[in-house]
C-alpha cells in the first residue's frame, strides 16, 4: 500500500460565534469565524464583526459572513439571532439557551369505573 493510495481528508468544522473582549461590567463582543473545538479566547480564522450589547450597536461584514456560511460554517444560536435581527440572514430566530422543559404536574387521567 503506497502513501498515494491512502489519503485521509480532514474537514475543519467552522463556527461563527461571539468572542468576549470587553472589560468587567462593560461587555463587548467580536463576531469571529473559528474552529468549533478552539478555546473561547483563541485567535479565530477571521473577525467578521463586532457587537456592543449595552448600546445595541453592531458592525457586520455582511459579504464575509455570507461567504463563510456558504462555505459551510455553522452559526451559533446567539450570533444567528443577531444576524436575523440585522437582516443579514432571512430565517426565524433560534432559542438561544437550552432551557429544560418544566415537568407538568402529573394528574391521573385514567377514567374511573
Foldseek 3Di string as FASTA:
>chain_A
DDPVVDDDDDDFAKEFEWAWDDDPPFTKTWTAIAGPPDDRPDDGPDTAWIAGVVVRDIDGNLVVVVVVVVVPHHYQLVRVQNCCVVVSDPDDHDPRDDDDDDDDPDDDPDDDD
